Amino acid sequence: EVQLQASGGGTVQAGGSLRLSCVMTGVIFDQWTIGWVRQAPGKGREGISAITIGDGTTYYSDSVKGRFTISRDNAKNTVYLQMNSLKSEDTAVYYCATDCDIVTAKYWGKGTLVTVSS
């Protein structure tokens, strides 16, 4: 059974940092792309970052480029999202999924809430 488990959310002041983690089980980890998708209050889901586990290719949306960094630890089947210089508009529920394209992502984990206070 494929499972993704996101963690690391919380409340942080604007300008602060958080690191999210996503553990994927039930698969051969390095055959997948893992993405992060967020949903702000009252808005639709937005794919913000992804990493191809096999070769480490990364993607960032314009909204997070330069502030967020995605990485992976193959030994732990884990993908991280380091979020720096957080803004109030980063407040959202963050999901990890098997892509950051919300149409094509086949597997999703439960979200973790990030709240950025100004």
PDB file of N, CA and C in Angstrom:
ATOM      1  N   GLU A   1       0.844  -1.188   0.000  1.00  0.00           N
ATOM      2  CA  GLU A   1       0.000   0.000   0.000  1.00  0.00           C
ATOM      3  C   GLU A   1       0.890   1.252   0.000  1.00  0.00           C
ATOM      4  N   VAL A   2       0.639   2.131  -0.946  1.00  0.00           N
ATOM      5  CA  VAL A   2       1.397   3.374  -1.037  1.00  0.00           C
ATOM      6  C   VAL A   2       0.873   4.359   0.000  1.00  0.00           C
ATOM      7  N   GLN A   3       1.797   4.901   0.779  1.00  0.00           N
ATOM      8  CA  GLN A   3       1.411   5.897   1.770  1.00  0.00           C
ATOM      9  C   GLN A   3       2.400   7.049   1.757  1.00  0.00           C
ATOM     10  N   LEU A   4       1.880   8.244   1.907  1.00  0.00           N
ATOM     11  CA  LEU A   4       2.701   9.439   2.089  1.00  0.00           C
ATOM     12  C   LEU A   4       2.253  10.112   3.376  1.00  0.00           C
ATOM     13  N   GLN A   5       3.205  10.503   4.180  1.00  0.00           N
ATOM     14  CA  GLN A   5       2.903  11.133   5.451  1.00  0.00           C
ATOM     15  C   GLN A   5       3.695  12.426   5.568  1.00  0.00           C
ATOM     16  N   ALA A   6       2.975  13.536   5.578  1.00  0.00           N
ATOM     17  CA  ALA A   6       3.606  14.849   5.726  1.00  0.00           C
ATOM     18  C   ALA A   6       3.594  15.272   7.187  1.00  0.00           C
ATOM     19  N   SER A   7       4.631  15.980   7.581  1.00  0.00           N
ATOM     20  CA  SER A   7       4.705  16.497   8.943  1.00  0.00           C
ATOM     21  C   SER A   7       5.571  17.751   8.960  1.00  0.00           C
ATOM     22  N   GLY A   8       5.558  18.432  10.090  1.00  0.00           N
ATOM     23  CA  GLY A   8       6.433  19.576  10.255  1.00  0.00           C
ATOM     24  C   GLY A   8       5.748  20.921  10.231  1.00  0.00           C
ATOM     25  N   GLY A   9       4.449  20.937  10.006  1.00  0.00           N
ATOM     26  CA  GLY A   9       3.739  22.202  10.003  1.00  0.00           C
ATOM     27  C   GLY A   9       3.678  22.827  11.380  1.00  0.00           C
ATOM     28  N   GLY A  10       3.261  24.066  11.420  1.00  0.00           N
ATOM     29  CA  GLY A  10       3.150  24.780  12.685  1.00  0.00           C
ATOM     30  C   GLY A  10       2.913  26.244  12.431  1.00  0.00           C
ATOM     31  N   THR A  11       3.083  27.011  13.479  1.00  0.00           N
ATOM     32  CA  THR A  11       2.896  28.454  13.401  1.00  0.00           C
ATOM     33  C   THR A  11       4.239  29.145  13.537  1.00  0.00           C
ATOM     34  N   VAL A  12       4.477  30.079  12.652  1.00  0.00           N
ATOM     35  CA  VAL A  12       5.748  30.790  12.643  1.00  0.00           C
ATOM     36  C   VAL A  12       5.486  32.248  12.290  1.00  0.00           C
ATOM     37  N   GLN A  13       6.340  33.128  12.760  1.00  0.00           N
ATOM     38  CA  GLN A  13       6.198  34.534  12.409  1.00  0.00           C
ATOM     39  C   GLN A  13       6.720  34.788  11.003  1.00  0.00           C
ATOM     40  N   ALA A  14       6.208  35.822  10.396  1.00  0.00           N
ATOM     41  CA  ALA A  14       6.680  36.213   9.072  1.00  0.00           C
ATOM     42  C   ALA A  14       8.192  36.423   9.113  1.00  0.00           C
ATOM     43  N   GLY A  15       8.852  35.926   8.067  1.00  0.00           N
ATOM     44  CA  GLY A  15      10.303  35.996   8.023  1.00  0.00           C
ATOM     45  C   GLY A  15      10.985  34.773   8.584  1.00  0.00           C
ATOM     46  N   GLY A  16      10.227  33.932   9.241  1.00  0.00           N
ATOM     47  CA  GLY A  16      10.786  32.736   9.863  1.00  0.00           C
ATOM     48  C   GLY A  16      10.884  31.567   8.900  1.00  0.00           C
ATOM     49  N   SER A  17      11.248  30.408   9.462  1.00  0.00           N
ATOM     50  CA  SER A  17      11.476  29.212   8.662  1.00  0.00           C
ATOM     51  C   SER A  17      10.773  28.002   9.266  1.00  0.00           C
ATOM     52  N   LEU A  18      10.461  27.058   8.407  1.00  0.00           N
ATOM     53  CA  LEU A  18       9.955  25.755   8.820  1.00  0.00           C
ATOM     54  C   LEU A  18      10.483  24.730   7.839  1.00  0.00           C
ATOM     55  N   ARG A  19      10.597  23.481   8.292  1.00  0.00           N
ATOM     56  CA  ARG A  19      10.949  22.395   7.395  1.00  0.00           C
ATOM     57  C   ARG A  19       9.873  21.323   7.453  1.00  0.00           C
ATOM     58  N   LEU A  20       9.294  21.057   6.303  1.00  0.00           N
ATOM     59  CA  LEU A  20       8.312  19.986   6.195  1.00  0.00           C
ATOM     60  C   LEU A  20       9.001  18.701   5.746  1.00  0.00           C
ATOM     61  N   SER A  21       8.446  17.584   6.196  1.00  0.00           N
ATOM     62  CA  SER A  21       8.952  16.271   5.792  1.00  0.00           C
ATOM     63  C   SER A  21       7.821  15.458   5.187  1.00  0.00           C
ATOM     64  N   CYS A  22       8.176  14.603   4.252  1.00  0.00           N
ATOM     65  CA  CYS A  22       7.203  13.692   3.638  1.00  0.00           C
ATOM     66  C   CYS A  22       7.860  12.324   3.521  1.00  0.00           C
ATOM     67  N   VAL A  23       7.314  11.369   4.228  1.00  0.00           N
ATOM     68  CA  VAL A  23       7.811   9.995   4.171  1.00  0.00           C
ATOM     69  C   VAL A  23       6.914   9.186   3.262  1.00  0.00           C
ATOM     70  N   MET A  24       7.520   8.473   2.332  1.00  0.00           N
ATOM     71  CA  MET A  24       6.758   7.649   1.394  1.00  0.00           C
ATOM     72  C   MET A  24       7.095   6.178   1.618  1.00  0.00           C
ATOM     73  N   THR A  25       6.078   5.365   1.781  1.00  0.00           N
ATOM     74  CA  THR A  25       6.281   3.939   2.004  1.00  0.00           C
ATOM     75  C   THR A  25       5.455   3.127   1.025  1.00  0.00           C
ATOM     76  N   GLY A  26       5.846   1.865   0.876  1.00  0.00           N
ATOM     77  CA  GLY A  26       5.099   0.965   0.015  1.00  0.00           C
ATOM     78  C   GLY A  26       5.504   1.005  -1.446  1.00  0.00           C
ATOM     79  N   VAL A  27       6.622   1.688  -1.739  1.00  0.00           N
ATOM     80  CA  VAL A  27       7.074   1.818  -3.125  1.00  0.00           C
ATOM     81  C   VAL A  27       8.586   1.725  -3.187  1.00  0.00           C
ATOM     82  N   ILE A  28       9.092   1.605  -4.418  1.00  0.00           N
ATOM     83  CA  ILE A  28      10.535   1.770  -4.642  1.00  0.00           C
ATOM     84  C   ILE A  28      10.748   3.268  -4.802  1.00  0.00           C
ATOM     85  N   PHE A  29      11.305   3.865  -3.773  1.00  0.00           N
ATOM     86  CA  PHE A  29      11.317   5.326  -3.623  1.00  0.00           C
ATOM     87  C   PHE A  29      11.920   6.038  -4.821  1.00  0.00           C
ATOM     88  N   ASP A  30      13.025   5.522  -5.341  1.00  0.00           N
ATOM     89  CA  ASP A  30      13.735   6.311  -6.344  1.00  0.00           C
ATOM     90  C   ASP A  30      13.109   6.221  -7.737  1.00  0.00           C
ATOM     91  N   GLN A  31      11.947   5.635  -7.823  1.00  0.00           N
ATOM     92  CA  GLN A  31      11.246   5.591  -9.103  1.00  0.00           C
ATOM     93  C   GLN A  31      10.151   6.652  -9.197  1.00  0.00           C
ATOM     94  N   TRP A  32      10.094   7.507  -8.202  1.00  0.00           N
ATOM     95  CA  TRP A  32       8.978   8.439  -8.129  1.00  0.00           C
ATOM     96  C   TRP A  32       9.441   9.895  -8.175  1.00  0.00           C
ATOM     97  N   THR A  33       8.479  10.752  -8.490  1.00  0.00           N
ATOM     98  CA  THR A  33       8.591  12.193  -8.273  1.00  0.00           C
ATOM     99  C   THR A  33       7.682  12.539  -7.112  1.00  0.00           C
ATOM    100  N   ILE A  34       8.188  13.314  -6.187  1.00  0.00           N
ATOM    101  CA  ILE A  34       7.390  13.756  -5.038  1.00  0.00           C
ATOM    102  C   ILE A  34       7.237  15.262  -5.114  1.00  0.00           C
ATOM    103  N   GLY A  35       6.026  15.691  -4.914  1.00  0.00           N
ATOM    104  CA  GLY A  35       5.750  17.121  -4.986  1.00  0.00           C
ATOM    105  C   GLY A  35       5.058  17.635  -3.749  1.00  0.00           C
ATOM    106  N   TRP A  36       5.076  18.949  -3.624  1.00  0.00           N
ATOM    107  CA  TRP A  36       4.352  19.620  -2.562  1.00  0.00           C
ATOM    108  C   TRP A  36       3.278  20.509  -3.185  1.00  0.00           C
ATOM    109  N   VAL A  37       2.110  20.396  -2.651  1.00  0.00           N
ATOM    110  CA  VAL A  37       0.946  21.165  -3.097  1.00  0.00           C
ATOM    111  C   VAL A  37       0.369  21.836  -1.866  1.00  0.00           C
ATOM    112  N   ARG A  38      -0.039  23.067  -2.012  1.00  0.00           N
ATOM    113  CA  ARG A  38      -0.639  23.748  -0.868  1.00  0.00           C
ATOM    114  C   ARG A  38      -2.002  24.303  -1.217  1.00  0.00           C
ATOM    115  N   GLN A  39      -2.788  24.476  -0.171  1.00  0.00           N
ATOM    116  CA  GLN A  39      -4.115  25.058  -0.338  1.00  0.00           C
ATOM    117  C   GLN A  39      -4.329  26.097   0.743  1.00  0.00           C
ATOM    118  N   ALA A  40      -4.358  27.335   0.317  1.00  0.00           N
ATOM    119  CA  ALA A  40      -4.593  28.440   1.245  1.00  0.00           C
ATOM    120  C   ALA A  40      -6.083  28.548   1.552  1.00  0.00           C
ATOM    121  N   PRO A  41      -6.432  29.156   2.672  1.00  0.00           N
ATOM    122  CA  PRO A  41      -7.844  29.287   3.027  1.00  0.00           C
ATOM    123  C   PRO A  41      -8.650  29.952   1.917  1.00  0.00           C
ATOM    124  N   GLY A  42      -9.708  29.305   1.482  1.00  0.00           N
ATOM    125  CA  GLY A  42     -10.576  29.876   0.480  1.00  0.00           C
ATOM    126  C   GLY A  42     -10.057  29.839  -0.938  1.00  0.00           C
ATOM    127  N   LYS A  43      -8.922  29.166  -1.158  1.00  0.00           N
ATOM    128  CA  LYS A  43      -8.328  29.120  -2.490  1.00  0.00           C
ATOM    129  C   LYS A  43      -8.168  27.683  -2.968  1.00  0.00           C
ATOM    130  N   GLY A  44      -7.845  27.526  -4.221  1.00  0.00           N
ATOM    131  CA  GLY A  44      -7.616  26.210  -4.791  1.00  0.00           C
ATOM    132  C   GLY A  44      -6.226  25.695  -4.483  1.00  0.00           C
ATOM    133  N   ARG A  45      -5.984  24.452  -4.837  1.00  0.00           N
ATOM    134  CA  ARG A  45      -4.670  23.850  -4.601  1.00  0.00           C
ATOM    135  C   ARG A  45      -3.640  24.390  -5.598  1.00  0.00           C
ATOM    136  N   GLU A  46      -2.432  24.568  -5.116  1.00  0.00           N
ATOM    137  CA  GLU A  46      -1.341  25.129  -5.916  1.00  0.00           C
ATOM    138  C   GLU A  46      -0.120  24.235  -5.787  1.00  0.00           C
ATOM    139  N   GLY A  47       0.365  23.703  -6.877  1.00  0.00           N
ATOM    140  CA  GLY A  47       1.597  22.938  -6.855  1.00  0.00           C
ATOM    141  C   GLY A  47       2.775  23.875  -6.757  1.00  0.00           C
ATOM    142  N   ILE A  48       3.646  23.673  -5.768  1.00  0.00           N
ATOM    143  CA  ILE A  48       4.718  24.642  -5.549  1.00  0.00           C
ATOM    144  C   ILE A  48       6.112  24.069  -5.751  1.00  0.00           C
ATOM    145  N   SER A  49       6.301  22.796  -5.629  1.00  0.00           N
ATOM    146  CA  SER A  49       7.645  22.252  -5.763  1.00  0.00           C
ATOM    147  C   SER A  49       7.577  20.755  -5.997  1.00  0.00           C
ATOM    148  N   ALA A  50       8.601  20.228  -6.643  1.00  0.00           N
ATOM    149  CA  ALA A  50       8.680  18.785  -6.868  1.00  0.00           C
ATOM    150  C   ALA A  50      10.127  18.379  -7.038  1.00  0.00           C
ATOM    151  N   ILE A  51      10.401  17.115  -6.762  1.00  0.00           N
ATOM    152  CA  ILE A  51      11.740  16.582  -6.971  1.00  0.00           C
ATOM    153  C   ILE A  51      11.628  15.180  -7.557  1.00  0.00           C
ATOM    154  N   THR A  52      12.414  14.924  -8.578  1.00  0.00           N
ATOM    155  CA  THR A  52      12.505  13.583  -9.149  1.00  0.00           C
ATOM    156  C   THR A  52      13.534  12.822  -8.326  1.00  0.00           C
ATOM    157  N   ILE A  53      13.083  11.804  -7.635  1.00  0.00           N
ATOM    158  CA  ILE A  53      13.952  11.143  -6.669  1.00  0.00           C
ATOM    159  C   ILE A  53      15.193  10.550  -7.341  1.00  0.00           C
ATOM    160  N   GLY A  54      15.040   9.980  -8.500  1.00  0.00           N
ATOM    161  CA  GLY A  54      16.153   9.285  -9.144  1.00  0.00           C
ATOM    162  C   GLY A  54      17.329  10.186  -9.471  1.00  0.00           C
ATOM    163  N   ASP A  55      17.063  11.343 -10.075  1.00  0.00           N
ATOM    164  CA  ASP A  55      18.170  12.196 -10.496  1.00  0.00           C
ATOM    165  C   ASP A  55      18.223  13.535  -9.786  1.00  0.00           C
ATOM    166  N   GLY A  56      17.266  13.796  -8.908  1.00  0.00           N
ATOM    167  CA  GLY A  56      17.303  15.013  -8.114  1.00  0.00           C
ATOM    168  C   GLY A  56      16.833  16.264  -8.813  1.00  0.00           C
ATOM    169  N   THR A  57      16.267  16.136  -9.997  1.00  0.00           N
ATOM    170  CA  THR A  57      15.747  17.311 -10.697  1.00  0.00           C
ATOM    171  C   THR A  57      14.647  17.958  -9.869  1.00  0.00           C
ATOM    172  N   THR A  58      14.701  19.285  -9.775  1.00  0.00           N
ATOM    173  CA  THR A  58      13.736  20.007  -8.954  1.00  0.00           C
ATOM    174  C   THR A  58      12.923  20.997  -9.772  1.00  0.00           C
ATOM    175  N   TYR A  59      11.780  21.336  -9.199  1.00  0.00           N
ATOM    176  CA  TYR A  59      10.887  22.332  -9.787  1.00  0.00           C
ATOM    177  C   TYR A  59      10.375  23.226  -8.670  1.00  0.00           C
ATOM    178  N   TYR A  60      10.259  24.517  -8.960  1.00  0.00           N
ATOM    179  CA  TYR A  60       9.660  25.467  -8.022  1.00  0.00           C
ATOM    180  C   TYR A  60       8.701  26.382  -8.768  1.00  0.00           C
ATOM    181  N   SER A  61       7.592  26.683  -8.150  1.00  0.00           N
ATOM    182  CA  SER A  61       6.711  27.692  -8.709  1.00  0.00           C
ATOM    183  C   SER A  61       7.320  29.064  -8.454  1.00  0.00           C
ATOM    184  N   ASP A  62       6.877  30.041  -9.205  1.00  0.00           N
ATOM    185  CA  ASP A  62       7.394  31.396  -9.027  1.00  0.00           C
ATOM    186  C   ASP A  62       7.106  31.930  -7.625  1.00  0.00           C
ATOM    187  N   SER A  63       6.023  31.465  -7.033  1.00  0.00           N
ATOM    188  CA  SER A  63       5.624  31.990  -5.735  1.00  0.00           C
ATOM    189  C   SER A  63       6.574  31.593  -4.604  1.00  0.00           C
ATOM    190  N   VAL A  64       7.367  30.543  -4.802  1.00  0.00           N
ATOM    191  CA  VAL A  64       8.263  30.087  -3.739  1.00  0.00           C
ATOM    192  C   VAL A  64       9.727  30.044  -4.158  1.00  0.00           C
ATOM    193  N   LYS A  65       9.996  30.270  -5.423  1.00  0.00           N
ATOM    194  CA  LYS A  65      11.364  30.171  -5.932  1.00  0.00           C
ATOM    195  C   LYS A  65      12.274  31.143  -5.183  1.00  0.00           C
ATOM    196  N   GLY A  66      13.414  30.649  -4.762  1.00  0.00           N
ATOM    197  CA  GLY A  66      14.356  31.477  -4.033  1.00  0.00           C
ATOM    198  C   GLY A  66      14.148  31.486  -2.532  1.00  0.00           C
ATOM    199  N   ARG A  67      12.998  30.981  -2.075  1.00  0.00           N
ATOM    200  CA  ARG A  67      12.724  30.944  -0.636  1.00  0.00           C
ATOM    201  C   ARG A  67      12.611  29.507  -0.113  1.00  0.00           C
ATOM    202  N   PHE A  68      12.093  28.624  -0.939  1.00  0.00           N
ATOM    203  CA  PHE A  68      11.889  27.232  -0.532  1.00  0.00           C
ATOM    204  C   PHE A  68      12.914  26.344  -1.232  1.00  0.00           C
ATOM    205  N   THR A  69      13.322  25.284  -0.556  1.00  0.00           N
ATOM    206  CA  THR A  69      14.251  24.314  -1.129  1.00  0.00           C
ATOM    207  C   THR A  69      13.735  22.911  -0.870  1.00  0.00           C
ATOM    208  N   ILE A  70      13.636  22.132  -1.940  1.00  0.00           N
ATOM    209  CA  ILE A  70      13.199  20.751  -1.816  1.00  0.00           C
ATOM    210  C   ILE A  70      14.423  19.841  -1.899  1.00  0.00           C
ATOM    211  N   SER A  71      14.414  18.795  -1.097  1.00  0.00           N
ATOM    212  CA  SER A  71      15.529  17.848  -1.103  1.00  0.00           C
ATOM    213  C   SER A  71      15.008  16.474  -0.739  1.00  0.00           C
ATOM    214  N   ARG A  72      15.880  15.461  -0.906  1.00  0.00           N
ATOM    215  CA  ARG A  72      15.443  14.118  -0.543  1.00  0.00           C
ATOM    216  C   ARG A  72      16.558  13.366   0.159  1.00  0.00           C
ATOM    217  N   ASP A  73      16.148  12.405   0.973  1.00  0.00           N
ATOM    218  CA  ASP A  73      17.053  11.477   1.636  1.00  0.00           C
ATOM    219  C   ASP A  73      16.583  10.079   1.250  1.00  0.00           C
ATOM    220  N   ASN A  74      17.264   9.485   0.285  1.00  0.00           N
ATOM    221  CA  ASN A  74      16.816   8.187  -0.225  1.00  0.00           C
ATOM    222  C   ASN A  74      16.859   7.109   0.852  1.00  0.00           C
ATOM    223  N   ALA A  75      17.810   7.192   1.754  1.00  0.00           N
ATOM    224  CA  ALA A  75      17.933   6.173   2.799  1.00  0.00           C
ATOM    225  C   ALA A  75      16.735   6.179   3.738  1.00  0.00           C
ATOM    226  N   LYS A  76      16.072   7.335   3.840  1.00  0.00           N
ATOM    227  CA  LYS A  76      14.925   7.464   4.752  1.00  0.00           C
ATOM    228  C   LYS A  76      13.603   7.544   4.002  1.00  0.00           C
ATOM    229  N   ASN A  77      13.623   7.384   2.675  1.00  0.00           N
ATOM    230  CA  ASN A  77      12.396   7.521   1.864  1.00  0.00           C
ATOM    231  C   ASN A  77      11.670   8.822   2.197  1.00  0.00           C
ATOM    232  N   THR A  78      12.425   9.885   2.326  1.00  0.00           N
ATOM    233  CA  THR A  78      11.866  11.137   2.802  1.00  0.00           C
ATOM    234  C   THR A  78      12.244  12.286   1.883  1.00  0.00           C
ATOM    235  N   VAL A  79      11.276  13.153   1.663  1.00  0.00           N
ATOM    236  CA  VAL A  79      11.477  14.408   0.946  1.00  0.00           C
ATOM    237  C   VAL A  79      11.232  15.548   1.924  1.00  0.00           C
ATOM    238  N   TYR A  80      12.076  16.556   1.828  1.00  0.00           N
ATOM    239  CA  TYR A  80      11.963  17.716   2.712  1.00  0.00           C
ATOM    240  C   TYR A  80      11.613  18.958   1.905  1.00  0.00           C
ATOM    241  N   LEU A  81      10.931  19.882   2.557  1.00  0.00           N
ATOM    242  CA  LEU A  81      10.701  21.203   1.987  1.00  0.00           C
ATOM    243  C   LEU A  81      11.139  22.220   3.030  1.00  0.00           C
ATOM    244  N   GLN A  82      12.298  22.822   2.793  1.00  0.00           N
ATOM    245  CA  GLN A  82      12.803  23.869   3.670  1.00  0.00           C
ATOM    246  C   GLN A  82      12.189  25.193   3.226  1.00  0.00           C
ATOM    247  N   MET A  83      11.469  25.815   4.122  1.00  0.00           N
ATOM    248  CA  MET A  83      10.755  27.050   3.791  1.00  0.00           C
ATOM    249  C   MET A  83      11.355  28.184   4.595  1.00  0.00           C
ATOM    250  N   ASN A  84      11.952  29.133   3.903  1.00  0.00           N
ATOM    251  CA  ASN A  84      12.571  30.293   4.538  1.00  0.00           C
ATOM    252  C   ASN A  84      11.845  31.569   4.126  1.00  0.00           C
ATOM    253  N   SER A  85      12.110  32.614   4.843  1.00  0.00           N
ATOM    254  CA  SER A  85      11.510  33.929   4.538  1.00  0.00           C
ATOM    255  C   SER A  85      10.002  33.810   4.342  1.00  0.00           C
ATOM    256  N   LEU A  86       9.372  33.135   5.264  1.00  0.00           N
ATOM    257  CA  LEU A  86       7.938  32.884   5.130  1.00  0.00           C
ATOM    258  C   LEU A  86       7.125  34.162   5.200  1.00  0.00           C
ATOM    259  N   LYS A  87       6.061  34.179   4.413  1.00  0.00           N
ATOM    260  CA  LYS A  87       5.164  35.321   4.323  1.00  0.00           C
ATOM    261  C   LYS A  87       3.764  34.882   4.761  1.00  0.00           C
ATOM    262  N   SER A  88       2.934  35.840   5.082  1.00  0.00           N
ATOM    263  CA  SER A  88       1.572  35.505   5.497  1.00  0.00           C
ATOM    264  C   SER A  88       0.838  34.745   4.389  1.00  0.00           C
ATOM    265  N   GLU A  89       1.155  35.058   3.157  1.00  0.00           N
ATOM    266  CA  GLU A  89       0.485  34.373   2.044  1.00  0.00           C
ATOM    267  C   GLU A  89       0.938  32.933   1.864  1.00  0.00           C
ATOM    268  N   ASP A  90       1.927  32.496   2.624  1.00  0.00           N
ATOM    269  CA  ASP A  90       2.321  31.090   2.616  1.00  0.00           C
ATOM    270  C   ASP A  90       1.443  30.259   3.548  1.00  0.00           C
ATOM    271  N   THR A  91       0.589  30.908   4.299  1.00  0.00           N
ATOM    272  CA  THR A  91      -0.325  30.182   5.170  1.00  0.00           C
ATOM    273  C   THR A  91      -1.215  29.269   4.338  1.00  0.00           C
ATOM    274  N   ALA A  92      -1.180  27.985   4.655  1.00  0.00           N
ATOM    275  CA  ALA A  92      -1.919  27.000   3.860  1.00  0.00           C
ATOM    276  C   ALA A  92      -1.777  25.626   4.499  1.00  0.00           C
ATOM    277  N   VAL A  93      -2.593  24.719   4.017  1.00  0.00           N
ATOM    278  CA  VAL A  93      -2.365  23.302   4.299  1.00  0.00           C
ATOM    279  C   VAL A  93      -1.443  22.783   3.196  1.00  0.00           C
ATOM    280  N   TYR A  94      -0.368  22.144   3.605  1.00  0.00           N
ATOM    281  CA  TYR A  94       0.621  21.632   2.667  1.00  0.00           C
ATOM    282  C   TYR A  94       0.490  20.112   2.560  1.00  0.00           C
ATOM    283  N   TYR A  95       0.388  19.648   1.328  1.00  0.00           N
ATOM    284  CA  TYR A  95       0.266  18.222   1.052  1.00  0.00           C
ATOM    285  C   TYR A  95       1.484  17.747   0.279  1.00  0.00           C
ATOM    286  N   CYS A  96       1.937  16.546   0.542  1.00  0.00           N
ATOM    287  CA  CYS A  96       2.883  15.935  -0.370  1.00  0.00           C
ATOM    288  C   CYS A  96       2.127  14.914  -1.224  1.00  0.00           C
ATOM    289  N   ALA A  97       2.576  14.766  -2.439  1.00  0.00           N
ATOM    290  CA  ALA A  97       1.903  13.904  -3.400  1.00  0.00           C
ATOM    291  C   ALA A  97       2.933  13.396  -4.398  1.00  0.00           C
ATOM    292  N   THR A  98       2.503  12.470  -5.227  1.00  0.00           N
ATOM    293  CA  THR A  98       3.424  11.916  -6.219  1.00  0.00           C
ATOM    294  C   THR A  98       3.435  12.778  -7.475  1.00  0.00           C
ATOM    295  N   ASP A  99       3.691  14.031  -7.307  1.00  0.00           N
ATOM    296  CA  ASP A  99       3.848  15.072  -8.317  1.00  0.00           C
ATOM    297  C   ASP A  99       3.289  16.347  -7.714  1.00  0.00           C
ATOM    298  N   CYS A 100       3.629  17.488  -8.290  1.00  0.00           N
ATOM    299  CA  CYS A 100       2.990  18.722  -7.828  1.00  0.00           C
ATOM    300  C   CYS A 100       1.923  19.162  -8.822  1.00  0.00           C
ATOM    301  N   ASP A 101       1.690  18.349  -9.858  1.00  0.00           N
ATOM    302  CA  ASP A 101       0.574  18.605 -10.761  1.00  0.00           C
ATOM    303  C   ASP A 101      -0.665  17.990 -10.130  1.00  0.00           C
ATOM    304  N   ILE A 102      -1.604  18.829  -9.728  1.00  0.00           N
ATOM    305  CA  ILE A 102      -2.747  18.333  -8.968  1.00  0.00           C
ATOM    306  C   ILE A 102      -3.655  17.451  -9.804  1.00  0.00           C
ATOM    307  N   VAL A 103      -3.518  17.516 -11.125  1.00  0.00           N
ATOM    308  CA  VAL A 103      -4.349  16.682 -11.986  1.00  0.00           C
ATOM    309  C   VAL A 103      -3.777  15.279 -12.102  1.00  0.00           C
ATOM    310  N   THR A 104      -2.447  15.199 -12.208  1.00  0.00           N
ATOM    311  CA  THR A 104      -1.834  13.903 -12.481  1.00  0.00           C
ATOM    312  C   THR A 104      -1.307  13.182 -11.247  1.00  0.00           C
ATOM    313  N   ALA A 105      -1.191  13.874 -10.123  1.00  0.00           N
ATOM    314  CA  ALA A 105      -0.665  13.228  -8.915  1.00  0.00           C
ATOM    315  C   ALA A 105      -1.596  12.089  -8.492  1.00  0.00           C
ATOM    316  N   LYS A 106      -1.029  10.885  -8.410  1.00  0.00           N
ATOM    317  CA  LYS A 106      -1.864   9.706  -8.150  1.00  0.00           C
ATOM    318  C   LYS A 106      -2.081   9.472  -6.660  1.00  0.00           C
ATOM    319  N   TYR A 107      -1.055   9.698  -5.870  1.00  0.00           N
ATOM    320  CA  TYR A 107      -1.142   9.441  -4.438  1.00  0.00           C
ATOM    321  C   TYR A 107      -0.920  10.729  -3.665  1.00  0.00           C
ATOM    322  N   TRP A 108      -1.679  10.866  -2.599  1.00  0.00           N
ATOM    323  CA  TRP A 108      -1.622  12.071  -1.764  1.00  0.00           C
ATOM    324  C   TRP A 108      -1.518  11.666  -0.299  1.00  0.00           C
ATOM    325  N   GLY A 109      -0.782  12.467   0.443  1.00  0.00           N
ATOM    326  CA  GLY A 109      -0.775  12.307   1.879  1.00  0.00           C
ATOM    327  C   GLY A 109      -1.755  13.273   2.509  1.00  0.00           C
ATOM    328  N   LYS A 110      -1.977  13.108   3.794  1.00  0.00           N
ATOM    329  CA  LYS A 110      -2.780  14.078   4.516  1.00  0.00           C
ATOM    330  C   LYS A 110      -1.949  15.342   4.694  1.00  0.00           C
ATOM    331  N   GLY A 111      -2.601  16.453   4.773  1.00  0.00           N
ATOM    332  CA  GLY A 111      -1.900  17.722   4.824  1.00  0.00           C
ATOM    333  C   GLY A 111      -1.364  18.066   6.203  1.00  0.00           C
ATOM    334  N   THR A 112      -0.466  19.027   6.203  1.00  0.00           N
ATOM    335  CA  THR A 112       0.047  19.594   7.440  1.00  0.00           C
ATOM    336  C   THR A 112      -0.114  21.115   7.347  1.00  0.00           C
ATOM    337  N   LEU A 113      -0.632  21.713   8.404  1.00  0.00           N
ATOM    338  CA  LEU A 113      -0.986  23.124   8.373  1.00  0.00           C
ATOM    339  C   LEU A 113       0.208  24.004   8.727  1.00  0.00           C
ATOM    340  N   VAL A 114       0.439  24.990   7.880  1.00  0.00           N
ATOM    341  CA  VAL A 114       1.455  26.014   8.134  1.00  0.00           C
ATOM    342  C   VAL A 114       0.735  27.351   8.277  1.00  0.00           C
ATOM    343  N   THR A 115       0.963  28.005   9.392  1.00  0.00           N
ATOM    344  CA  THR A 115       0.367  29.305   9.643  1.00  0.00           C
ATOM    345  C   THR A 115       1.488  30.313   9.852  1.00  0.00           C
ATOM    346  N   VAL A 116       1.481  31.368   9.049  1.00  0.00           N
ATOM    347  CA  VAL A 116       2.496  32.407   9.163  1.00  0.00           C
ATOM    348  C   VAL A 116       1.810  33.662   9.679  1.00  0.00           C
ATOM    349  N   SER A 117       2.226  34.090  10.847  1.00  0.00           N
ATOM    350  CA  SER A 117       1.612  35.262  11.460  1.00  0.00           C
ATOM    351  C   SER A 117       2.435  36.501  11.130  1.00  0.00           C
ATOM    352  N   SER A 118       1.724  37.591  10.893  1.00  0.00           N
ATOM    353  CA  SER A 118       2.428  38.846  10.534  1.00  0.00           C
ATOM    354  C   SER A 118       2.582  39.742  11.738  1.00  0.00           C
TER     355      SER A 118
END
